[in-house]
C-alpha atoms as a PDB file:
ATOM      1  CA  UNK A   1    -106.066  51.891 -21.683  1.00  0.00           C
ATOM      2  CA  UNK A   2    -106.371  52.053 -25.523  1.00  0.00           C
ATOM      3  CA  UNK A   3    -108.758  49.197 -26.040  1.00  0.00           C
ATOM      4  CA  UNK A   4    -111.153  50.324 -23.117  1.00  0.00           C
ATOM      5  CA  UNK A   5    -111.265  53.943 -24.559  1.00  0.00           C
ATOM      6  CA  UNK A   6    -111.753  52.773 -27.938  1.00  0.00           C
ATOM      7  CA  UNK A   7    -114.792  50.591 -26.860  1.00  0.00           C
ATOM      8  CA  UNK A   8    -116.361  53.648 -25.240  1.00  0.00           C
ATOM      9  CA  UNK A   9    -115.746  55.721 -28.178  1.00  0.00           C
ATOM     10  CA  UNK A  10    -117.372  53.376 -30.439  1.00  0.00           C
ATOM     11  CA  UNK A  11    -120.580  53.964 -28.389  1.00  0.00           C
ATOM     12  CA  UNK A  12    -120.754  57.629 -29.424  1.00  0.00           C
ATOM     13  CA  UNK A  13    -122.966  58.838 -32.200  1.00  0.00           C
ATOM     14  CA  UNK A  14    -120.786  59.912 -35.219  1.00  0.00           C
ATOM     15  CA  UNK A  15    -120.199  63.194 -37.137  1.00  0.00           C
ATOM     16  CA  UNK A  16    -118.395  63.708 -40.450  1.00  0.00           C
ATOM     17  CA  UNK A  17    -115.718  66.075 -41.286  1.00  0.00           C
ATOM     18  CA  UNK A  18    -118.049  68.302 -43.647  1.00  0.00           C
ATOM     19  CA  UNK A  19    -120.453  68.811 -40.705  1.00  0.00           C
ATOM     20  CA  UNK A  20    -117.698  69.875 -38.428  1.00  0.00           C
ATOM     21  CA  UNK A  21    -116.430  72.552 -40.998  1.00  0.00           C
ATOM     22  CA  UNK A  22    -120.007  73.934 -41.208  1.00  0.00           C
ATOM     23  CA  UNK A  23    -119.643  74.632 -37.436  1.00  0.00           C
ATOM     24  CA  UNK A  24    -115.943  75.628 -37.403  1.00  0.00           C
ATOM     25  CA  UNK A  25    -114.482  77.435 -34.641  1.00  0.00           C
ATOM     26  CA  UNK A  26    -111.507  79.015 -36.126  1.00  0.00           C
ATOM     27  CA  UNK A  27    -112.081  81.883 -33.659  1.00  0.00           C
ATOM     28  CA  UNK A  28    -112.589  80.742 -30.202  1.00  0.00           C
ATOM     29  CA  UNK A  29    -111.903  80.586 -26.452  1.00  0.00           C
ATOM     30  CA  UNK A  30    -109.794  77.489 -25.414  1.00  0.00           C
ATOM     31  CA  UNK A  31    -109.592  75.936 -21.923  1.00  0.00           C
ATOM     32  CA  UNK A  32    -107.226  73.210 -21.411  1.00  0.00           C
ATOM     33  CA  UNK A  33    -107.067  70.305 -18.796  1.00  0.00           C
ATOM     34  CA  UNK A  34    -104.375  67.776 -18.277  1.00  0.00           C
ATOM     35  CA  UNK A  35    -104.677  64.461 -16.543  1.00  0.00           C
ATOM     36  CA  UNK A  36    -103.393  60.837 -16.348  1.00  0.00           C
ATOM     37  CA  UNK A  37    -104.267  58.674 -19.317  1.00  0.00           C
ATOM     38  CA  UNK A  38    -106.037  56.235 -16.932  1.00  0.00           C
ATOM     39  CA  UNK A  39    -108.736  58.701 -16.184  1.00  0.00           C
ATOM     40  CA  UNK A  40    -109.554  59.222 -19.896  1.00  0.00           C
ATOM     41  CA  UNK A  41    -112.060  56.313 -19.959  1.00  0.00           C
ATOM     42  CA  UNK A  42    -113.777  57.696 -16.867  1.00  0.00           C
ATOM     43  CA  UNK A  43    -114.243  61.104 -18.461  1.00  0.00           C
ATOM     44  CA  UNK A  44    -115.574  60.117 -21.946  1.00  0.00           C
ATOM     45  CA  UNK A  45    -117.961  57.505 -20.376  1.00  0.00           C
ATOM     46  CA  UNK A  46    -119.851  60.419 -19.131  1.00  0.00           C
ATOM     47  CA  UNK A  47    -119.934  62.324 -22.381  1.00  0.00           C
ATOM     48  CA  UNK A  48    -121.739  59.600 -24.524  1.00  0.00           C
ATOM     49  CA  UNK A  49    -125.196  61.092 -24.510  1.00  0.00           C
ATOM     50  CA  UNK A  50    -124.199  64.707 -25.019  1.00  0.00           C
ATOM     51  CA  UNK A  51    -121.506  64.702 -27.800  1.00  0.00           C
ATOM     52  CA  UNK A  52    -120.700  63.124 -31.138  1.00  0.00           C
ATOM     53  CA  UNK A  53    -117.414  61.988 -32.286  1.00  0.00           C
ATOM     54  CA  UNK A  54    -115.590  63.061 -35.532  1.00  0.00           C
ATOM     55  CA  UNK A  55    -115.390  59.830 -37.541  1.00  0.00           C
ATOM     56  CA  UNK A  56    -113.672  59.532 -41.019  1.00  0.00           C
ATOM     57  CA  UNK A  57    -113.482  56.363 -42.876  1.00  0.00           C
ATOM     58  CA  UNK A  58    -114.604  54.453 -39.815  1.00  0.00           C
ATOM     59  CA  UNK A  59    -111.728  55.865 -37.778  1.00  0.00           C
ATOM     60  CA  UNK A  60    -112.118  58.209 -34.781  1.00  0.00           C
ATOM     61  CA  UNK A  61    -108.510  58.383 -33.418  1.00  0.00           C
ATOM     62  CA  UNK A  62    -106.145  60.142 -35.582  1.00  0.00           C
ATOM     63  CA  UNK A  63    -102.482  60.669 -35.742  1.00  0.00           C
ATOM     64  CA  UNK A  64    -101.073  64.320 -35.882  1.00  0.00           C
ATOM     65  CA  UNK A  65     -97.625  65.651 -36.646  1.00  0.00           C
ATOM     66  CA  UNK A  66     -96.602  69.388 -36.075  1.00  0.00           C
ATOM     67  CA  UNK A  67     -93.367  71.318 -36.943  1.00  0.00           C
ATOM     68  CA  UNK A  68     -93.132  74.593 -35.089  1.00  0.00           C
ATOM     69  CA  UNK A  69     -91.211  77.554 -36.433  1.00  0.00           C
ATOM     70  CA  UNK A  70     -89.822  80.450 -34.325  1.00  0.00           C
ATOM     71  CA  UNK A  71     -87.232  83.271 -34.853  1.00  0.00           C
ATOM     72  CA  UNK A  72     -83.794  82.561 -34.132  1.00  0.00           C
ATOM     73  CA  UNK A  73     -83.999  83.791 -30.482  1.00  0.00           C
ATOM     74  CA  UNK A  74     -87.294  81.966 -29.929  1.00  0.00           C
ATOM     75  CA  UNK A  75     -89.493  85.379 -29.859  1.00  0.00           C
ATOM     76  CA  UNK A  76     -92.844  83.559 -30.134  1.00  0.00           C
ATOM     77  CA  UNK A  77     -91.893  81.346 -27.159  1.00  0.00           C
ATOM     78  CA  UNK A  78     -90.600  84.230 -25.224  1.00  0.00           C
ATOM     79  CA  UNK A  79     -93.840  86.070 -25.899  1.00  0.00           C
ATOM     80  CA  UNK A  80     -95.776  83.346 -24.200  1.00  0.00           C
ATOM     81  CA  UNK A  81     -93.130  82.889 -21.322  1.00  0.00           C
ATOM     82  CA  UNK A  82     -93.213  86.604 -20.551  1.00  0.00           C
ATOM     83  CA  UNK A  83     -97.123  86.710 -20.374  1.00  0.00           C
ATOM     84  CA  UNK A  84     -97.683  88.808 -23.600  1.00  0.00           C
ATOM     85  CA  UNK A  85    -101.453  89.026 -24.030  1.00  0.00           C
ATOM     86  CA  UNK A  86    -100.992  89.341 -27.791  1.00  0.00           C
ATOM     87  CA  UNK A  87     -98.828  86.495 -29.207  1.00  0.00           C
ATOM     88  CA  UNK A  88     -98.390  84.158 -32.233  1.00  0.00           C
ATOM     89  CA  UNK A  89     -97.374  80.609 -33.225  1.00  0.00           C
ATOM     90  CA  UNK A  90     -96.364  79.299 -36.569  1.00  0.00           C
ATOM     91  CA  UNK A  91     -96.487  75.684 -37.448  1.00  0.00           C
ATOM     92  CA  UNK A  92     -97.108  72.977 -39.934  1.00  0.00           C
ATOM     93  CA  UNK A  93     -99.720  70.555 -39.064  1.00  0.00           C
ATOM     94  CA  UNK A  94    -100.016  67.254 -40.814  1.00  0.00           C
ATOM     95  CA  UNK A  95    -103.145  65.006 -40.459  1.00  0.00           C
ATOM     96  CA  UNK A  96    -101.225  61.905 -40.969  1.00  0.00           C
ATOM     97  CA  UNK A  97    -103.927  59.384 -41.570  1.00  0.00           C
ATOM     98  CA  UNK A  98    -105.484  61.583 -44.473  1.00  0.00           C
ATOM     99  CA  UNK A  99    -102.081  62.877 -45.564  1.00  0.00           C
ATOM    100  CA  UNK A 100    -103.444  66.515 -45.534  1.00  0.00           C
ATOM    101  CA  UNK A 101    -100.841  69.288 -44.482  1.00  0.00           C
ATOM    102  CA  UNK A 102    -101.414  72.971 -43.600  1.00  0.00           C
ATOM    103  CA  UNK A 103     -99.247  75.937 -42.624  1.00  0.00           C
ATOM    104  CA  UNK A 104    -100.971  77.555 -39.576  1.00  0.00           C
ATOM    105  CA  UNK A 105    -100.579  80.843 -37.883  1.00  0.00           C
ATOM    106  CA  UNK A 106    -102.344  81.101 -34.435  1.00  0.00           C
ATOM    107  CA  UNK A 107    -102.873  84.432 -32.837  1.00  0.00           C
ATOM    108  CA  UNK A 108    -103.918  84.960 -29.290  1.00  0.00           C
ATOM    109  CA  UNK A 109    -105.409  88.250 -27.819  1.00  0.00           C
ATOM    110  CA  UNK A 110    -106.179  87.966 -24.353  1.00  0.00           C
ATOM    111  CA  UNK A 111    -108.256  84.784 -24.277  1.00  0.00           C
ATOM    112  CA  UNK A 112    -109.388  84.763 -27.937  1.00  0.00           C
ATOM    113  CA  UNK A 113    -107.656  82.451 -30.204  1.00  0.00           C
ATOM    114  CA  UNK A 114    -107.876  82.934 -33.962  1.00  0.00           C
ATOM    115  CA  UNK A 115    -106.425  80.442 -36.465  1.00  0.00           C
ATOM    116  CA  UNK A 116    -105.579  80.916 -40.082  1.00  0.00           C
ATOM    117  CA  UNK A 117    -104.086  78.343 -42.471  1.00  0.00           C
ATOM    118  CA  UNK A 118    -103.185  77.509 -45.914  1.00  0.00           C
ATOM    119  CA  UNK A 119    -102.858  74.051 -47.665  1.00  0.00           C
ATOM    120  CA  UNK A 120     -99.410  72.634 -48.349  1.00  0.00           C
ATOM    121  CA  UNK A 121     -98.162  69.685 -50.049  1.00  0.00           C
ATOM    122  CA  UNK A 122     -95.662  68.465 -47.380  1.00  0.00           C
ATOM    123  CA  UNK A 123     -93.877  69.541 -44.080  1.00  0.00           C
ATOM    124  CA  UNK A 124     -90.648  71.117 -45.117  1.00  0.00           C
ATOM    125  CA  UNK A 125     -88.072  72.650 -42.648  1.00  0.00           C
ATOM    126  CA  UNK A 126     -87.821  75.588 -45.064  1.00  0.00           C
ATOM    127  CA  UNK A 127     -90.707  77.889 -45.802  1.00  0.00           C
ATOM    128  CA  UNK A 128     -91.376  78.574 -49.516  1.00  0.00           C
ATOM    129  CA  UNK A 129     -91.812  82.016 -50.898  1.00  0.00           C
ATOM    130  CA  UNK A 130     -95.558  81.660 -50.792  1.00  0.00           C
ATOM    131  CA  UNK A 131     -95.619  80.401 -47.308  1.00  0.00           C
ATOM    132  CA  UNK A 132     -93.295  83.162 -46.059  1.00  0.00           C
ATOM    133  CA  UNK A 133     -95.809  85.721 -47.721  1.00  0.00           C
ATOM    134  CA  UNK A 134     -98.553  84.177 -45.982  1.00  0.00           C
ATOM    135  CA  UNK A 135     -96.789  84.292 -42.554  1.00  0.00           C
ATOM    136  CA  UNK A 136     -95.670  87.963 -42.935  1.00  0.00           C
ATOM    137  CA  UNK A 137     -99.278  88.930 -43.886  1.00  0.00           C
ATOM    138  CA  UNK A 138    -100.637  87.396 -40.743  1.00  0.00           C
ATOM    139  CA  UNK A 139     -97.912  88.631 -38.568  1.00  0.00           C
ATOM    140  CA  UNK A 140     -98.192  92.112 -39.989  1.00  0.00           C
ATOM    141  CA  UNK A 141     -94.496  92.124 -40.485  1.00  0.00           C
ATOM    142  CA  UNK A 142     -91.571  90.057 -42.034  1.00  0.00           C
ATOM    143  CA  UNK A 143     -89.922  87.530 -39.692  1.00  0.00           C
ATOM    144  CA  UNK A 144     -87.109  85.182 -40.549  1.00  0.00           C
ATOM    145  CA  UNK A 145     -88.333  81.767 -39.065  1.00  0.00           C
ATOM    146  CA  UNK A 146     -86.402  78.554 -38.317  1.00  0.00           C
ATOM    147  CA  UNK A 147     -87.771  74.995 -37.617  1.00  0.00           C
ATOM    148  CA  UNK A 148     -87.519  74.476 -33.854  1.00  0.00           C
ATOM    149  CA  UNK A 149     -89.240  71.407 -32.666  1.00  0.00           C
ATOM    150  CA  UNK A 150     -91.501  68.593 -33.850  1.00  0.00           C
ATOM    151  CA  UNK A 151     -94.479  67.037 -32.036  1.00  0.00           C
ATOM    152  CA  UNK A 152     -96.492  63.896 -32.537  1.00  0.00           C
ATOM    153  CA  UNK A 153     -99.702  62.741 -30.781  1.00  0.00           C
ATOM    154  CA  UNK A 154    -102.999  60.894 -31.198  1.00  0.00           C
ATOM    155  CA  UNK A 155    -106.232  62.892 -31.246  1.00  0.00           C
ATOM    156  CA  UNK A 156    -110.159  62.193 -31.115  1.00  0.00           C
ATOM    157  CA  UNK A 157    -112.604  64.966 -31.334  1.00  0.00           C
ATOM    158  CA  UNK A 158    -115.898  65.224 -29.576  1.00  0.00           C
ATOM    159  CA  UNK A 159    -118.593  67.703 -30.566  1.00  0.00           C
ATOM    160  CA  UNK A 160    -121.603  68.873 -28.384  1.00  0.00           C
ATOM    161  CA  UNK A 161    -124.819  68.010 -29.675  1.00  0.00           C
ATOM    162  CA  UNK A 162    -126.367  71.214 -28.124  1.00  0.00           C
ATOM    163  CA  UNK A 163    -124.314  74.414 -28.523  1.00  0.00           C
ATOM    164  CA  UNK A 164    -121.260  75.409 -30.453  1.00  0.00           C
ATOM    165  CA  UNK A 165    -118.522  73.496 -28.710  1.00  0.00           C
ATOM    166  CA  UNK A 166    -116.042  70.784 -29.327  1.00  0.00           C
ATOM    167  CA  UNK A 167    -113.410  68.886 -27.039  1.00  0.00           C
ATOM    168  CA  UNK A 168    -110.226  67.495 -28.376  1.00  0.00           C
ATOM    169  CA  UNK A 169    -108.252  64.817 -26.499  1.00  0.00           C
ATOM    170  CA  UNK A 170    -104.612  64.390 -27.104  1.00  0.00           C
ATOM    171  CA  UNK A 171    -102.432  61.300 -26.180  1.00  0.00           C
ATOM    172  CA  UNK A 172     -99.270  59.674 -26.802  1.00  0.00           C
ATOM    173  CA  UNK A 173     -97.381  62.959 -26.915  1.00  0.00           C
ATOM    174  CA  UNK A 174     -93.758  63.209 -27.959  1.00  0.00           C
ATOM    175  CA  UNK A 175     -91.507  66.235 -28.929  1.00  0.00           C
ATOM    176  CA  UNK A 176     -88.180  66.016 -30.677  1.00  0.00           C
ATOM    177  CA  UNK A 177     -85.564  67.930 -32.512  1.00  0.00           C
ATOM    178  CA  UNK A 178     -82.272  67.003 -34.166  1.00  0.00           C
ATOM    179  CA  UNK A 179     -80.579  66.453 -30.788  1.00  0.00           C
ATOM    180  CA  UNK A 180     -83.090  64.950 -28.411  1.00  0.00           C
ATOM    181  CA  UNK A 181     -86.657  63.860 -27.768  1.00  0.00           C
ATOM    182  CA  UNK A 182     -89.081  63.471 -24.864  1.00  0.00           C
ATOM    183  CA  UNK A 183     -92.261  61.644 -24.402  1.00  0.00           C
ATOM    184  CA  UNK A 184     -95.315  62.372 -22.069  1.00  0.00           C
ATOM    185  CA  UNK A 185     -96.798  58.815 -22.675  1.00  0.00           C
ATOM    186  CA  UNK A 186     -99.029  58.929 -19.654  1.00  0.00           C
ATOM    187  CA  UNK A 187    -100.428  62.450 -20.063  1.00  0.00           C
ATOM    188  CA  UNK A 188    -103.753  63.268 -21.750  1.00  0.00           C
ATOM    189  CA  UNK A 189    -104.627  66.862 -22.645  1.00  0.00           C
ATOM    190  CA  UNK A 190    -108.248  67.952 -23.288  1.00  0.00           C
ATOM    191  CA  UNK A 191    -109.062  71.245 -24.876  1.00  0.00           C
ATOM    192  CA  UNK A 192    -112.352  72.572 -24.571  1.00  0.00           C
ATOM    193  CA  UNK A 193    -113.113  74.930 -27.578  1.00  0.00           C
ATOM    194  CA  UNK A 194    -116.117  77.402 -27.283  1.00  0.00           C
ATOM    195  CA  UNK A 195    -117.177  80.530 -29.071  1.00  0.00           C
ATOM    196  CA  UNK A 196    -117.580  82.025 -25.668  1.00  0.00           C
ATOM    197  CA  UNK A 197    -116.855  80.690 -22.179  1.00  0.00           C
ATOM    198  CA  UNK A 198    -119.667  78.522 -20.980  1.00  0.00           C
ATOM    199  CA  UNK A 199    -119.256  76.854 -17.573  1.00  0.00           C
ATOM    200  CA  UNK A 200    -122.609  74.925 -17.986  1.00  0.00           C
ATOM    201  CA  UNK A 201    -120.697  72.791 -20.732  1.00  0.00           C
ATOM    202  CA  UNK A 202    -121.324  69.010 -19.827  1.00  0.00           C
ATOM    203  CA  UNK A 203    -117.542  68.208 -20.247  1.00  0.00           C
ATOM    204  CA  UNK A 204    -116.599  71.027 -18.029  1.00  0.00           C
ATOM    205  CA  UNK A 205    -118.795  69.856 -15.105  1.00  0.00           C
ATOM    206  CA  UNK A 206    -117.593  66.394 -15.681  1.00  0.00           C
ATOM    207  CA  UNK A 207    -113.973  67.202 -15.137  1.00  0.00           C
ATOM    208  CA  UNK A 208    -114.906  69.612 -12.444  1.00  0.00           C
ATOM    209  CA  UNK A 209    -116.558  66.655 -10.501  1.00  0.00           C
ATOM    210  CA  UNK A 210    -113.315  64.633 -10.886  1.00  0.00           C
ATOM    211  CA  UNK A 211    -111.392  67.824  -9.500  1.00  0.00           C
ATOM    212  CA  UNK A 212    -109.545  68.490 -12.751  1.00  0.00           C
ATOM    213  CA  UNK A 213    -109.048  72.201 -13.067  1.00  0.00           C
ATOM    214  CA  UNK A 214    -108.384  74.325 -16.169  1.00  0.00           C
ATOM    215  CA  UNK A 215    -104.495  74.252 -16.772  1.00  0.00           C
ATOM    216  CA  UNK A 216    -102.953  76.784 -19.174  1.00  0.00           C
ATOM    217  CA  UNK A 217    -100.403  75.045 -21.382  1.00  0.00           C
ATOM    218  CA  UNK A 218     -98.849  75.425 -24.769  1.00  0.00           C
ATOM    219  CA  UNK A 219     -97.594  72.346 -26.389  1.00  0.00           C
ATOM    220  CA  UNK A 220     -94.994  74.392 -28.256  1.00  0.00           C
ATOM    221  CA  UNK A 221     -93.792  76.026 -25.084  1.00  0.00           C
ATOM    222  CA  UNK A 222     -93.693  72.759 -23.236  1.00  0.00           C
ATOM    223  CA  UNK A 223     -91.868  71.162 -25.830  1.00  0.00           C
ATOM    224  CA  UNK A 224     -89.189  73.796 -26.142  1.00  0.00           C
ATOM    225  CA  UNK A 225     -88.780  74.117 -22.315  1.00  0.00           C
ATOM    226  CA  UNK A 226     -88.314  70.321 -21.979  1.00  0.00           C
ATOM    227  CA  UNK A 227     -85.911  69.979 -24.753  1.00  0.00           C
ATOM    228  CA  UNK A 228     -83.698  73.017 -23.981  1.00  0.00           C
ATOM    229  CA  UNK A 229     -82.875  72.363 -20.251  1.00  0.00           C
ATOM    230  CA  UNK A 230     -79.195  73.107 -20.722  1.00  0.00           C
ATOM    231  CA  UNK A 231     -79.574  76.202 -22.715  1.00  0.00           C
ATOM    232  CA  UNK A 232     -80.021  79.782 -21.739  1.00  0.00           C
ATOM    233  CA  UNK A 233     -83.747  79.873 -22.845  1.00  0.00           C
ATOM    234  CA  UNK A 234     -85.947  81.112 -19.921  1.00  0.00           C
ATOM    235  CA  UNK A 235     -87.991  78.468 -18.160  1.00  0.00           C
ATOM    236  CA  UNK A 236     -88.828  79.979 -14.899  1.00  0.00           C
ATOM    237  CA  UNK A 237     -92.400  80.861 -15.566  1.00  0.00           C
ATOM    238  CA  UNK A 238     -93.124  77.455 -16.802  1.00  0.00           C
ATOM    239  CA  UNK A 239     -91.404  75.526 -13.895  1.00  0.00           C
ATOM    240  CA  UNK A 240     -94.589  74.608 -12.012  1.00  0.00           C
ATOM    241  CA  UNK A 241     -96.363  73.429 -15.218  1.00  0.00           C
ATOM    242  CA  UNK A 242     -93.352  71.150 -16.000  1.00  0.00           C
ATOM    243  CA  UNK A 243     -93.414  69.785 -12.702  1.00  0.00           C
ATOM    244  CA  UNK A 244     -97.067  68.940 -12.710  1.00  0.00           C
ATOM    245  CA  UNK A 245     -96.672  67.450 -16.199  1.00  0.00           C
ATOM    246  CA  UNK A 246     -93.796  65.250 -15.035  1.00  0.00           C
ATOM    247  CA  UNK A 247     -95.579  64.110 -11.916  1.00  0.00           C
ATOM    248  CA  UNK A 248     -98.522  62.900 -14.103  1.00  0.00           C
ATOM    249  CA  UNK A 249     -96.287  61.484 -16.630  1.00  0.00           C
ATOM    250  CA  UNK A 250     -94.177  59.595 -13.893  1.00  0.00           C
ATOM    251  CA  UNK A 251     -97.175  58.428 -11.909  1.00  0.00           C
ATOM    252  CA  UNK A 252     -98.001  54.528 -12.001  1.00  0.00           C
END
């Protein structure tokens, strides 16, 4: 799969990081899609003419590492599980290949996602004073947060030539904490990021033709629910999502 996908990615026109920053989508509407990794090549082959690919130092597929924080009682996780329309996530994100790290706060209000972040030196399991102040300011209240789960994955990013839109593709997803780990090696997650919903998107119509429908999913919540199967953490509202993820992951 990897070599075939990489051969297709090398056919895309390229775009640099600075050009992406100029067209940043820190406030956006996200639509996610999940499918077996073997479908990835078929999808991106249909996108070559209409998208460019983010390329840095001649690389277009990058390693990411995240560390998610939550309250002792998993309040952020519970907000999502209980369907709260206004919710937050707090995480470190490291761009492994470029050794850049950020502390990020994501806020979702209905379907609008806003992300604010600050640069950090490293991923630490304890937030420093400056970082705690940043989180408090973004949340609008003080919260005592603890490291909950790590995640690693590989990502490439496509940017539409016409219109303010980008699509990220995540593969080789793994979640882990101090006690356990779980891999979703066969699952690919695509995330369509738009300033406003536009179903005329080339990507959207490609996946629609393949009968891949939007699938609401949170990596953090999937990771927590998958790693805490023997705890008292609620998982009922994610049951069908976990079943579908595992079906894809276990398919030949």
